[in-house]
Amino acid sequence: MKFIIGKKIGMTQMFDSTGKITPVTLVEAGPCTILQKMSKDKEGYDALQLGYIKIEKKSKIKKSMKGKEYRYIKETRTTDTATVGDQVTVSIFAEGDKVTVVGTSKGKGFQGGVKRHGFHGRNATHGAKHEARTIGSIGQRFPQHVIKGRKMPGRMGFDRVTVKNLKVAKIDVENNMLALMGAIPGHKGTLLQIKG
């Protein structure tokens, strides 16, 4: 099973032996603890439940959290034979591995059609005034309402984003750090799920 929960630290760059620059994203991943094992007989599917960042403050732990005193709990579908209580660290990955990263993109608030959907806006001349970034007509004479699914201004970002085939550039087991080639969704501190 190659699955771990982590946090985005930020972007930096690495140099190879020839001096070529590679952009990388640093991720603090794990250590995670296996909290529960789901089976096909009992729950109807095979999976493992992992916990990340233990809650130390007693007042923050509720009755329903007994045995699962973790800030983040995530599940992954697997038929792995791991046991409850095992620790999952970055050592499960190797340099050169391809991984899939799931995170939440940056929230951009309410945006217009030009920024949100890439509309080109209206022409600058020929009688157009104060119309540079408007979306223009949003329908036709029939039917007399806006059709569902029309691309319009609205809230942008803060979506679940999956980035596939990211290469593991470097692993630091002592500091629980992964360096992944390329960009990862979200701001610094975004919770990430990394699957091998």
N, C-alpha and C. Protein backbone atom coordinates (compact mmCIF):
# COMPACT_ATOMS: atom_id res chain seq x y z
N MET A 1 0.84 -1.19 0.00
CA MET A 1 0.00 0.00 0.00
C MET A 1 0.88 1.25 0.00
N LYS A 2 0.69 2.09 -1.00
CA LYS A 2 1.43 3.35 -1.05
C LYS A 2 0.42 4.50 -0.96
N PHE A 3 0.12 4.89 0.28
CA PHE A 3 -0.82 5.98 0.53
C PHE A 3 -0.40 6.70 1.80
N ILE A 4 -0.34 8.02 1.73
CA ILE A 4 0.05 8.81 2.90
C ILE A 4 -0.64 10.17 2.85
N ILE A 5 -0.84 10.76 4.03
CA ILE A 5 -1.45 12.09 4.14
C ILE A 5 -0.34 13.08 4.48
N GLY A 6 -0.41 14.27 3.91
CA GLY A 6 0.63 15.27 4.17
C GLY A 6 0.13 16.68 4.02
N LYS A 7 1.07 17.63 4.16
CA LYS A 7 0.76 19.06 4.03
C LYS A 7 1.73 19.69 3.06
N LYS A 8 1.23 20.62 2.25
CA LYS A 8 2.08 21.34 1.30
C LYS A 8 2.91 22.38 2.07
N ILE A 9 4.22 22.36 1.82
CA ILE A 9 5.13 23.32 2.45
C ILE A 9 5.35 24.52 1.54
N GLY A 10 5.56 24.25 0.24
CA GLY A 10 5.79 25.32 -0.73
C GLY A 10 6.65 24.82 -1.87
N MET A 11 6.96 25.72 -2.80
CA MET A 11 7.76 25.34 -3.97
C MET A 11 9.19 25.83 -3.85
N THR A 12 10.09 25.07 -4.48
CA THR A 12 11.50 25.44 -4.55
C THR A 12 12.06 24.84 -5.84
N GLN A 13 13.38 24.79 -5.96
CA GLN A 13 13.98 24.20 -7.17
C GLN A 13 15.18 23.34 -6.80
N MET A 14 15.44 22.36 -7.66
CA MET A 14 16.57 21.46 -7.47
C MET A 14 17.45 21.50 -8.71
N PHE A 15 18.76 21.28 -8.51
CA PHE A 15 19.71 21.25 -9.62
C PHE A 15 20.24 19.83 -9.76
N ASP A 16 20.30 19.32 -11.01
CA ASP A 16 20.90 18.00 -11.23
C ASP A 16 22.39 18.14 -11.50
N SER A 17 23.05 17.02 -11.82
CA SER A 17 24.51 17.02 -12.01
C SER A 17 24.96 17.90 -13.18
N THR A 18 24.07 18.10 -14.17
CA THR A 18 24.42 18.92 -15.33
C THR A 18 24.10 20.40 -15.11
N GLY A 19 23.47 20.73 -13.97
CA GLY A 19 23.12 22.11 -13.67
C GLY A 19 21.72 22.49 -14.12
N LYS A 20 20.93 21.50 -14.57
CA LYS A 20 19.57 21.78 -15.02
C LYS A 20 18.65 21.98 -13.82
N ILE A 21 17.79 23.02 -13.90
CA ILE A 21 16.87 23.34 -12.80
C ILE A 21 15.58 22.55 -12.97
N THR A 22 15.10 21.98 -11.84
CA THR A 22 13.82 21.29 -11.82
C THR A 22 12.95 21.91 -10.73
N PRO A 23 11.75 22.42 -11.08
CA PRO A 23 10.86 22.96 -10.04
C PRO A 23 10.24 21.81 -9.24
N VAL A 24 10.28 21.92 -7.92
CA VAL A 24 9.72 20.88 -7.06
C VAL A 24 8.83 21.49 -5.99
N THR A 25 7.86 20.69 -5.52
CA THR A 25 7.01 21.10 -4.40
C THR A 25 7.39 20.26 -3.20
N LEU A 26 7.63 20.91 -2.07
CA LEU A 26 7.97 20.20 -0.84
C LEU A 26 6.70 19.86 -0.07
N VAL A 27 6.61 18.60 0.35
CA VAL A 27 5.44 18.11 1.09
C VAL A 27 5.91 17.44 2.38
N GLU A 28 5.32 17.85 3.50
CA GLU A 28 5.59 17.17 4.77
C GLU A 28 4.55 16.06 4.88
N ALA A 29 4.99 14.82 4.72
CA ALA A 29 4.06 13.68 4.67
C ALA A 29 4.28 12.73 5.83
N GLY A 30 3.21 12.49 6.59
CA GLY A 30 3.26 11.54 7.70
C GLY A 30 4.08 12.06 8.88
N PRO A 31 4.41 11.18 9.83
CA PRO A 31 3.99 9.78 9.88
C PRO A 31 2.50 9.64 10.18
N CYS A 32 1.87 8.67 9.53
CA CYS A 32 0.45 8.40 9.71
C CYS A 32 0.28 7.07 10.45
N THR A 33 -0.80 6.95 11.18
CA THR A 33 -1.10 5.73 11.93
C THR A 33 -2.33 5.05 11.34
N ILE A 34 -2.27 3.72 11.17
CA ILE A 34 -3.44 2.97 10.68
C ILE A 34 -4.41 2.82 11.84
N LEU A 35 -5.61 3.40 11.69
CA LEU A 35 -6.59 3.43 12.77
C LEU A 35 -7.62 2.31 12.67
N GLN A 36 -7.99 1.96 11.44
CA GLN A 36 -9.05 0.95 11.25
C GLN A 36 -8.84 0.22 9.94
N LYS A 37 -9.26 -1.04 9.94
CA LYS A 37 -9.17 -1.86 8.73
C LYS A 37 -10.57 -2.30 8.34
N MET A 38 -11.01 -1.90 7.16
CA MET A 38 -12.32 -2.29 6.67
C MET A 38 -12.19 -3.58 5.86
N SER A 39 -13.18 -4.46 6.00
CA SER A 39 -13.16 -5.72 5.25
C SER A 39 -14.44 -5.88 4.45
N LYS A 40 -14.39 -6.71 3.44
CA LYS A 40 -15.54 -6.93 2.55
C LYS A 40 -16.69 -7.59 3.32
N ASP A 41 -16.35 -8.42 4.30
CA ASP A 41 -17.39 -9.14 5.05
C ASP A 41 -18.18 -8.20 5.97
N LYS A 42 -17.44 -7.30 6.66
CA LYS A 42 -18.09 -6.44 7.66
C LYS A 42 -18.62 -5.14 7.07
N GLU A 43 -17.75 -4.37 6.37
CA GLU A 43 -18.15 -3.05 5.85
C GLU A 43 -18.60 -3.08 4.39
N GLY A 44 -18.28 -4.16 3.68
CA GLY A 44 -18.68 -4.28 2.27
C GLY A 44 -17.60 -3.88 1.29
N TYR A 45 -16.45 -3.44 1.80
CA TYR A 45 -15.32 -3.06 0.94
C TYR A 45 -14.03 -3.17 1.74
N ASP A 46 -12.91 -3.36 1.01
CA ASP A 46 -11.60 -3.45 1.66
C ASP A 46 -10.94 -2.07 1.65
N ALA A 47 -10.54 -1.59 2.83
CA ALA A 47 -9.90 -0.28 2.93
C ALA A 47 -9.13 -0.15 4.23
N LEU A 48 -8.27 0.86 4.28
CA LEU A 48 -7.54 1.21 5.50
C LEU A 48 -7.81 2.66 5.84
N GLN A 49 -7.95 2.94 7.14
CA GLN A 49 -8.19 4.31 7.60
C GLN A 49 -6.93 4.81 8.28
N LEU A 50 -6.43 5.96 7.82
CA LEU A 50 -5.19 6.53 8.35
C LEU A 50 -5.46 7.82 9.11
N GLY A 51 -4.70 8.04 10.18
CA GLY A 51 -4.80 9.27 10.96
C GLY A 51 -3.51 10.07 10.86
N TYR A 52 -3.65 11.41 10.76
CA TYR A 52 -2.49 12.29 10.61
C TYR A 52 -2.61 13.45 11.59
N ILE A 53 -1.55 13.77 12.28
CA ILE A 53 -1.43 14.81 13.31
C ILE A 53 -2.30 14.47 14.53
N LYS A 54 -1.68 13.90 15.52
CA LYS A 54 -2.36 13.50 16.76
C LYS A 54 -2.75 14.73 17.56
N ILE A 55 -3.96 14.71 18.13
CA ILE A 55 -4.43 15.81 18.97
C ILE A 55 -3.89 15.57 20.38
N GLU A 56 -3.06 16.50 20.86
CA GLU A 56 -2.42 16.35 22.16
C GLU A 56 -3.28 16.94 23.29
N LYS A 57 -4.00 18.02 23.01
CA LYS A 57 -4.79 18.71 24.04
C LYS A 57 -6.00 17.87 24.42
N LYS A 58 -6.10 17.51 25.70
CA LYS A 58 -7.18 16.63 26.18
C LYS A 58 -8.57 17.23 25.96
N SER A 59 -8.68 18.57 26.14
CA SER A 59 -9.98 19.23 26.02
C SER A 59 -10.52 19.21 24.59
N LYS A 60 -9.65 18.97 23.61
CA LYS A 60 -10.07 18.95 22.21
C LYS A 60 -10.60 17.57 21.78
N ILE A 61 -10.37 16.55 22.63
CA ILE A 61 -10.77 15.18 22.29
C ILE A 61 -12.18 14.92 22.80
N LYS A 62 -13.10 14.60 21.89
CA LYS A 62 -14.49 14.33 22.24
C LYS A 62 -14.67 12.83 22.52
N LYS A 63 -15.81 12.47 23.12
CA LYS A 63 -16.10 11.07 23.45
C LYS A 63 -16.12 10.18 22.21
N SER A 64 -16.70 10.70 21.13
CA SER A 64 -16.85 9.92 19.89
C SER A 64 -15.51 9.67 19.19
N MET A 65 -14.44 10.39 19.60
CA MET A 65 -13.13 10.26 18.97
C MET A 65 -12.25 9.22 19.66
N LYS A 66 -12.79 8.47 20.60
CA LYS A 66 -12.00 7.52 21.39
C LYS A 66 -11.27 6.54 20.48
N GLY A 67 -9.94 6.49 20.63
CA GLY A 67 -9.11 5.60 19.80
C GLY A 67 -8.72 6.20 18.47
N LYS A 68 -9.32 7.36 18.14
CA LYS A 68 -9.01 8.04 16.86
C LYS A 68 -8.76 9.52 17.12
N GLU A 69 -7.82 9.80 18.02
CA GLU A 69 -7.54 11.19 18.42
C GLU A 69 -6.61 11.87 17.41
N TYR A 70 -7.08 11.97 16.18
CA TYR A 70 -6.27 12.58 15.12
C TYR A 70 -7.02 13.72 14.47
N ARG A 71 -6.26 14.73 14.02
CA ARG A 71 -6.87 15.91 13.42
C ARG A 71 -7.44 15.60 12.04
N TYR A 72 -6.71 14.78 11.25
CA TYR A 72 -7.16 14.41 9.91
C TYR A 72 -7.24 12.89 9.80
N ILE A 73 -8.37 12.40 9.30
CA ILE A 73 -8.56 10.96 9.09
C ILE A 73 -9.03 10.74 7.66
N LYS A 74 -8.29 9.90 6.93
CA LYS A 74 -8.62 9.61 5.53
C LYS A 74 -8.60 8.10 5.29
N GLU A 75 -9.37 7.68 4.29
CA GLU A 75 -9.45 6.27 3.92
C GLU A 75 -8.87 6.03 2.55
N THR A 76 -8.34 4.82 2.34
CA THR A 76 -7.90 4.42 1.00
C THR A 76 -8.33 2.99 0.76
N ARG A 77 -8.83 2.73 -0.45
CA ARG A 77 -9.25 1.38 -0.82
C ARG A 77 -8.01 0.53 -1.08
N THR A 78 -7.87 -0.56 -0.34
CA THR A 78 -6.72 -1.45 -0.52
C THR A 78 -7.01 -2.80 0.11
N THR A 79 -6.33 -3.82 -0.38
CA THR A 79 -6.43 -5.16 0.20
C THR A 79 -5.15 -5.50 0.95
N ASP A 80 -4.42 -4.47 1.38
CA ASP A 80 -3.14 -4.64 2.07
C ASP A 80 -3.33 -5.37 3.41
N THR A 81 -2.31 -6.10 3.82
CA THR A 81 -2.38 -6.90 5.05
C THR A 81 -1.82 -6.15 6.27
N ALA A 82 -1.76 -4.83 6.22
CA ALA A 82 -1.24 -4.03 7.35
C ALA A 82 -2.16 -4.18 8.57
N THR A 83 -1.58 -3.99 9.75
CA THR A 83 -2.35 -4.13 10.98
C THR A 83 -2.60 -2.76 11.61
N VAL A 84 -3.65 -2.70 12.43
CA VAL A 84 -4.02 -1.45 13.11
C VAL A 84 -2.91 -1.06 14.09
N GLY A 85 -2.52 0.21 14.05
CA GLY A 85 -1.45 0.71 14.92
C GLY A 85 -0.13 0.87 14.20
N ASP A 86 -0.01 0.31 12.99
CA ASP A 86 1.23 0.44 12.20
C ASP A 86 1.45 1.89 11.79
N GLN A 87 2.71 2.29 11.68
CA GLN A 87 3.08 3.64 11.23
C GLN A 87 3.39 3.62 9.73
N VAL A 88 2.88 4.62 9.01
CA VAL A 88 3.17 4.79 7.59
C VAL A 88 4.03 6.04 7.44
N THR A 89 5.22 5.88 6.85
CA THR A 89 6.14 7.01 6.68
C THR A 89 6.47 7.18 5.19
N VAL A 90 7.25 8.22 4.88
CA VAL A 90 7.63 8.50 3.49
C VAL A 90 8.53 7.41 2.90
N SER A 91 9.04 6.52 3.74
CA SER A 91 9.92 5.45 3.26
C SER A 91 9.21 4.44 2.37
N ILE A 92 7.86 4.50 2.31
CA ILE A 92 7.12 3.59 1.42
C ILE A 92 7.33 3.97 -0.05
N PHE A 93 7.78 5.22 -0.28
CA PHE A 93 8.06 5.68 -1.65
C PHE A 93 9.55 5.58 -1.95
N ALA A 94 9.88 5.58 -3.23
CA ALA A 94 11.27 5.57 -3.67
C ALA A 94 11.46 6.68 -4.69
N GLU A 95 12.68 7.20 -4.80
CA GLU A 95 12.97 8.26 -5.77
C GLU A 95 12.69 7.74 -7.18
N GLY A 96 11.94 8.52 -7.96
CA GLY A 96 11.58 8.10 -9.32
C GLY A 96 10.18 7.54 -9.42
N ASP A 97 9.53 7.27 -8.27
CA ASP A 97 8.15 6.75 -8.27
C ASP A 97 7.20 7.79 -8.86
N LYS A 98 6.15 7.32 -9.52
CA LYS A 98 5.08 8.20 -10.01
C LYS A 98 3.94 8.16 -9.00
N VAL A 99 3.48 9.34 -8.59
CA VAL A 99 2.41 9.42 -7.59
C VAL A 99 1.25 10.28 -8.08
N THR A 100 0.09 10.08 -7.44
CA THR A 100 -1.10 10.89 -7.70
C THR A 100 -1.37 11.70 -6.43
N VAL A 101 -1.54 13.01 -6.58
CA VAL A 101 -1.76 13.89 -5.43
C VAL A 101 -3.17 14.50 -5.52
N VAL A 102 -3.92 14.38 -4.41
CA VAL A 102 -5.26 14.95 -4.33
C VAL A 102 -5.24 16.07 -3.29
N GLY A 103 -5.69 17.26 -3.69
CA GLY A 103 -5.71 18.41 -2.78
C GLY A 103 -6.84 19.36 -3.12
N THR A 104 -6.92 20.46 -2.38
CA THR A 104 -7.94 21.48 -2.62
C THR A 104 -7.27 22.72 -3.20
N SER A 105 -7.78 23.18 -4.34
CA SER A 105 -7.18 24.34 -5.01
C SER A 105 -7.44 25.62 -4.23
N LYS A 106 -6.67 26.66 -4.54
CA LYS A 106 -6.83 27.96 -3.88
C LYS A 106 -8.21 28.54 -4.19
N GLY A 107 -8.87 29.10 -3.20
CA GLY A 107 -10.15 29.76 -3.41
C GLY A 107 -9.91 31.17 -3.93
N LYS A 108 -10.63 31.56 -4.99
CA LYS A 108 -10.42 32.87 -5.60
C LYS A 108 -11.63 33.79 -5.44
N GLY A 109 -12.65 33.32 -4.73
CA GLY A 109 -13.83 34.15 -4.50
C GLY A 109 -14.70 34.28 -5.75
N PHE A 110 -15.55 35.31 -5.77
CA PHE A 110 -16.46 35.55 -6.89
C PHE A 110 -15.67 36.17 -8.04
N GLN A 111 -15.67 35.53 -9.21
CA GLN A 111 -14.93 36.03 -10.37
C GLN A 111 -15.84 36.16 -11.59
N GLY A 112 -15.44 37.04 -12.51
CA GLY A 112 -16.19 37.24 -13.74
C GLY A 112 -15.90 36.16 -14.77
N GLY A 113 -16.62 36.23 -15.88
CA GLY A 113 -16.50 35.22 -16.93
C GLY A 113 -15.13 35.19 -17.60
N VAL A 114 -14.46 36.35 -17.69
CA VAL A 114 -13.14 36.42 -18.35
C VAL A 114 -12.12 35.60 -17.56
N LYS A 115 -12.09 35.80 -16.26
CA LYS A 115 -11.12 35.07 -15.43
C LYS A 115 -11.55 33.62 -15.18
N ARG A 116 -12.84 33.42 -14.95
CA ARG A 116 -13.34 32.10 -14.56
C ARG A 116 -13.36 31.10 -15.72
N HIS A 117 -13.78 31.55 -16.90
CA HIS A 117 -13.95 30.64 -18.04
C HIS A 117 -13.09 30.98 -19.25
N GLY A 118 -12.34 32.10 -19.18
CA GLY A 118 -11.47 32.45 -20.30
C GLY A 118 -12.18 33.16 -21.43
N PHE A 119 -13.33 33.81 -21.18
CA PHE A 119 -14.01 34.59 -22.21
C PHE A 119 -13.11 35.75 -22.64
N HIS A 120 -13.19 36.15 -23.91
CA HIS A 120 -12.29 37.22 -24.39
C HIS A 120 -12.85 38.62 -24.17
N GLY A 121 -14.08 38.76 -23.69
CA GLY A 121 -14.66 40.07 -23.44
C GLY A 121 -15.18 40.70 -24.74
N ARG A 122 -15.61 41.96 -24.66
CA ARG A 122 -16.17 42.65 -25.82
C ARG A 122 -15.09 43.46 -26.54
N ASN A 123 -15.42 43.94 -27.75
CA ASN A 123 -14.46 44.74 -28.51
C ASN A 123 -14.26 46.11 -27.86
N ALA A 124 -13.08 46.70 -28.08
CA ALA A 124 -12.74 47.97 -27.44
C ALA A 124 -13.34 49.18 -28.15
N THR A 125 -13.69 49.03 -29.43
CA THR A 125 -14.22 50.17 -30.20
C THR A 125 -15.62 49.85 -30.74
N HIS A 126 -16.07 50.61 -31.76
CA HIS A 126 -17.38 50.41 -32.42
C HIS A 126 -18.55 50.52 -31.45
N GLY A 127 -18.52 51.56 -30.64
CA GLY A 127 -19.68 51.85 -29.79
C GLY A 127 -19.75 51.10 -28.49
N ALA A 128 -18.76 50.27 -28.19
CA ALA A 128 -18.78 49.53 -26.93
C ALA A 128 -18.23 50.42 -25.81
N LYS A 129 -19.02 50.61 -24.76
CA LYS A 129 -18.60 51.48 -23.66
C LYS A 129 -18.86 50.76 -22.34
N HIS A 130 -17.84 50.71 -21.49
CA HIS A 130 -17.93 50.01 -20.19
C HIS A 130 -18.35 48.55 -20.37
N GLU A 131 -17.88 47.91 -21.42
CA GLU A 131 -18.30 46.53 -21.73
C GLU A 131 -17.11 45.59 -21.86
N ALA A 132 -15.91 46.07 -21.50
CA ALA A 132 -14.69 45.34 -21.80
C ALA A 132 -14.70 43.89 -21.31
N ARG A 133 -15.17 43.66 -20.08
CA ARG A 133 -15.09 42.31 -19.51
C ARG A 133 -16.46 41.69 -19.23
N THR A 134 -17.49 42.19 -19.87
CA THR A 134 -18.83 41.59 -19.67
C THR A 134 -18.97 40.33 -20.51
N ILE A 135 -19.90 39.44 -20.12
CA ILE A 135 -20.02 38.15 -20.82
C ILE A 135 -20.95 38.23 -22.04
N GLY A 136 -21.68 39.34 -22.19
CA GLY A 136 -22.55 39.48 -23.36
C GLY A 136 -23.87 38.76 -23.18
N SER A 137 -24.46 38.32 -24.28
CA SER A 137 -25.76 37.67 -24.25
C SER A 137 -25.69 36.32 -23.54
N ILE A 138 -26.70 36.03 -22.72
CA ILE A 138 -26.70 34.76 -21.99
C ILE A 138 -27.85 33.85 -22.43
N GLY A 139 -28.50 34.19 -23.54
CA GLY A 139 -29.59 33.34 -24.02
C GLY A 139 -30.10 33.81 -25.37
N GLN A 140 -31.25 33.32 -25.77
CA GLN A 140 -31.86 33.70 -27.03
C GLN A 140 -33.36 33.95 -26.81
N ARG A 141 -34.09 34.16 -27.90
CA ARG A 141 -35.51 34.53 -27.77
C ARG A 141 -36.34 33.37 -27.21
N PHE A 142 -36.00 32.16 -27.62
CA PHE A 142 -36.70 30.99 -27.08
C PHE A 142 -35.68 29.96 -26.64
N PRO A 143 -35.79 29.30 -25.51
CA PRO A 143 -36.80 29.50 -24.45
C PRO A 143 -36.46 30.75 -23.65
N GLN A 144 -37.48 31.37 -23.06
CA GLN A 144 -37.28 32.66 -22.41
C GLN A 144 -36.70 32.52 -21.00
N HIS A 145 -35.63 31.78 -20.89
CA HIS A 145 -34.91 31.67 -19.62
C HIS A 145 -33.48 31.22 -19.91
N VAL A 146 -32.62 31.37 -18.94
CA VAL A 146 -31.21 30.96 -19.11
C VAL A 146 -31.12 29.44 -18.98
N ILE A 147 -30.50 28.80 -19.97
CA ILE A 147 -30.39 27.34 -19.97
C ILE A 147 -29.38 26.90 -18.91
N LYS A 148 -29.72 25.80 -18.22
CA LYS A 148 -28.86 25.27 -17.16
C LYS A 148 -27.47 24.94 -17.69
N GLY A 149 -26.45 25.23 -16.87
CA GLY A 149 -25.08 24.92 -17.26
C GLY A 149 -24.37 26.04 -17.98
N ARG A 150 -25.04 27.16 -18.19
CA ARG A 150 -24.43 28.30 -18.89
C ARG A 150 -23.25 28.82 -18.09
N LYS A 151 -22.12 29.02 -18.77
CA LYS A 151 -20.91 29.54 -18.11
C LYS A 151 -21.12 31.01 -17.78
N MET A 152 -21.09 31.33 -16.49
CA MET A 152 -21.34 32.69 -16.04
C MET A 152 -20.43 33.04 -14.87
N PRO A 153 -20.40 34.31 -14.46
CA PRO A 153 -19.60 34.66 -13.28
C PRO A 153 -20.07 33.88 -12.05
N GLY A 154 -19.16 33.65 -11.13
CA GLY A 154 -19.52 32.92 -9.91
C GLY A 154 -18.28 32.61 -9.09
N ARG A 155 -18.47 31.79 -8.07
CA ARG A 155 -17.36 31.43 -7.19
C ARG A 155 -16.36 30.54 -7.91
N MET A 156 -15.09 30.84 -7.74
CA MET A 156 -14.03 30.15 -8.46
C MET A 156 -13.02 29.58 -7.48
N GLY A 157 -12.53 28.40 -7.76
CA GLY A 157 -11.51 27.76 -6.94
C GLY A 157 -12.11 27.00 -5.78
N PHE A 158 -11.24 26.58 -4.83
CA PHE A 158 -11.60 25.78 -3.67
C PHE A 158 -12.31 24.50 -4.10
N ASP A 159 -11.72 23.83 -5.11
CA ASP A 159 -12.25 22.57 -5.62
C ASP A 159 -11.28 21.45 -5.32
N ARG A 160 -11.79 20.23 -5.27
CA ARG A 160 -10.94 19.05 -5.12
C ARG A 160 -10.24 18.80 -6.45
N VAL A 161 -8.91 18.81 -6.45
CA VAL A 161 -8.12 18.67 -7.68
C VAL A 161 -7.20 17.46 -7.55
N THR A 162 -7.14 16.65 -8.61
CA THR A 162 -6.25 15.49 -8.65
C THR A 162 -5.19 15.71 -9.71
N VAL A 163 -3.91 15.60 -9.31
CA VAL A 163 -2.80 15.73 -10.25
C VAL A 163 -2.12 14.37 -10.34
N LYS A 164 -2.06 13.83 -11.55
CA LYS A 164 -1.50 12.48 -11.74
C LYS A 164 -0.07 12.53 -12.28
N ASN A 165 0.63 11.42 -12.14
CA ASN A 165 1.97 11.21 -12.70
C ASN A 165 3.01 12.24 -12.26
N LEU A 166 3.01 12.59 -10.98
CA LEU A 166 4.05 13.45 -10.44
C LEU A 166 5.20 12.57 -9.99
N LYS A 167 6.41 12.95 -10.35
CA LYS A 167 7.59 12.13 -10.05
C LYS A 167 8.17 12.53 -8.69
N VAL A 168 8.54 11.52 -7.89
CA VAL A 168 9.19 11.77 -6.60
C VAL A 168 10.66 12.10 -6.88
N ALA A 169 11.06 13.34 -6.62
CA ALA A 169 12.42 13.79 -6.91
C ALA A 169 13.38 13.42 -5.79
N LYS A 170 12.94 13.61 -4.55
CA LYS A 170 13.81 13.33 -3.40
C LYS A 170 12.98 12.97 -2.18
N ILE A 171 13.56 12.15 -1.29
CA ILE A 171 12.89 11.74 -0.06
C ILE A 171 13.81 12.02 1.13
N ASP A 172 13.27 12.66 2.16
CA ASP A 172 14.00 12.90 3.40
C ASP A 172 13.23 12.19 4.52
N VAL A 173 13.65 10.97 4.87
CA VAL A 173 12.93 10.14 5.85
C VAL A 173 13.00 10.76 7.24
N GLU A 174 14.15 11.35 7.60
CA GLU A 174 14.34 11.93 8.95
C GLU A 174 13.35 13.06 9.22
N ASN A 175 13.14 13.91 8.22
CA ASN A 175 12.25 15.07 8.38
C ASN A 175 10.85 14.85 7.80
N ASN A 176 10.54 13.63 7.36
CA ASN A 176 9.24 13.27 6.77
C ASN A 176 8.89 14.19 5.59
N MET A 177 9.86 14.41 4.70
CA MET A 177 9.67 15.32 3.57
C MET A 177 9.74 14.58 2.23
N LEU A 178 8.87 15.01 1.32
CA LEU A 178 8.88 14.52 -0.06
C LEU A 178 9.06 15.72 -0.98
N ALA A 179 9.90 15.58 -1.99
CA ALA A 179 10.03 16.62 -3.02
C ALA A 179 9.44 16.05 -4.30
N LEU A 180 8.34 16.65 -4.76
CA LEU A 180 7.64 16.16 -5.95
C LEU A 180 7.85 17.12 -7.11
N MET A 181 8.20 16.58 -8.27
CA MET A 181 8.44 17.43 -9.45
C MET A 181 7.13 18.07 -9.91
N GLY A 182 7.17 19.39 -10.10
CA GLY A 182 5.99 20.08 -10.61
C GLY A 182 5.16 20.73 -9.51
N ALA A 183 3.99 21.23 -9.90
CA ALA A 183 3.12 21.99 -9.00
C ALA A 183 2.01 21.11 -8.44
N ILE A 184 1.54 21.50 -7.25
CA ILE A 184 0.49 20.78 -6.53
C ILE A 184 -0.59 21.79 -6.17
N PRO A 185 -1.87 21.42 -6.21
CA PRO A 185 -2.93 22.38 -5.90
C PRO A 185 -2.90 22.88 -4.46
N GLY A 186 -3.39 24.10 -4.25
CA GLY A 186 -3.57 24.65 -2.92
C GLY A 186 -2.49 25.60 -2.46
N HIS A 187 -2.75 26.23 -1.31
CA HIS A 187 -1.80 27.16 -0.70
C HIS A 187 -0.91 26.41 0.28
N LYS A 188 0.00 27.11 0.93
CA LYS A 188 0.86 26.48 1.93
C LYS A 188 0.01 25.97 3.09
N GLY A 189 0.22 24.73 3.46
CA GLY A 189 -0.55 24.13 4.56
C GLY A 189 -1.75 23.34 4.09
N THR A 190 -1.98 23.25 2.78
CA THR A 190 -3.11 22.48 2.24
C THR A 190 -2.91 21.00 2.53
N LEU A 191 -3.98 20.33 2.98
CA LEU A 191 -3.93 18.90 3.24
C LEU A 191 -3.91 18.14 1.92
N LEU A 192 -2.99 17.18 1.80
CA LEU A 192 -2.83 16.41 0.56
C LEU A 192 -2.92 14.92 0.83
N GLN A 193 -3.46 14.20 -0.16
CA GLN A 193 -3.45 12.74 -0.13
C GLN A 193 -2.54 12.28 -1.26
N ILE A 194 -1.51 11.50 -0.91
CA ILE A 194 -0.53 11.05 -1.91
C ILE A 194 -0.66 9.55 -2.09
N LYS A 195 -0.94 9.15 -3.33
CA LYS A 195 -1.13 7.72 -3.63
C LYS A 195 -0.06 7.27 -4.62
N GLY A 196 0.52 6.10 -4.38
CA GLY A 196 1.56 5.55 -5.25
C GLY A 196 1.02 4.69 -6.35
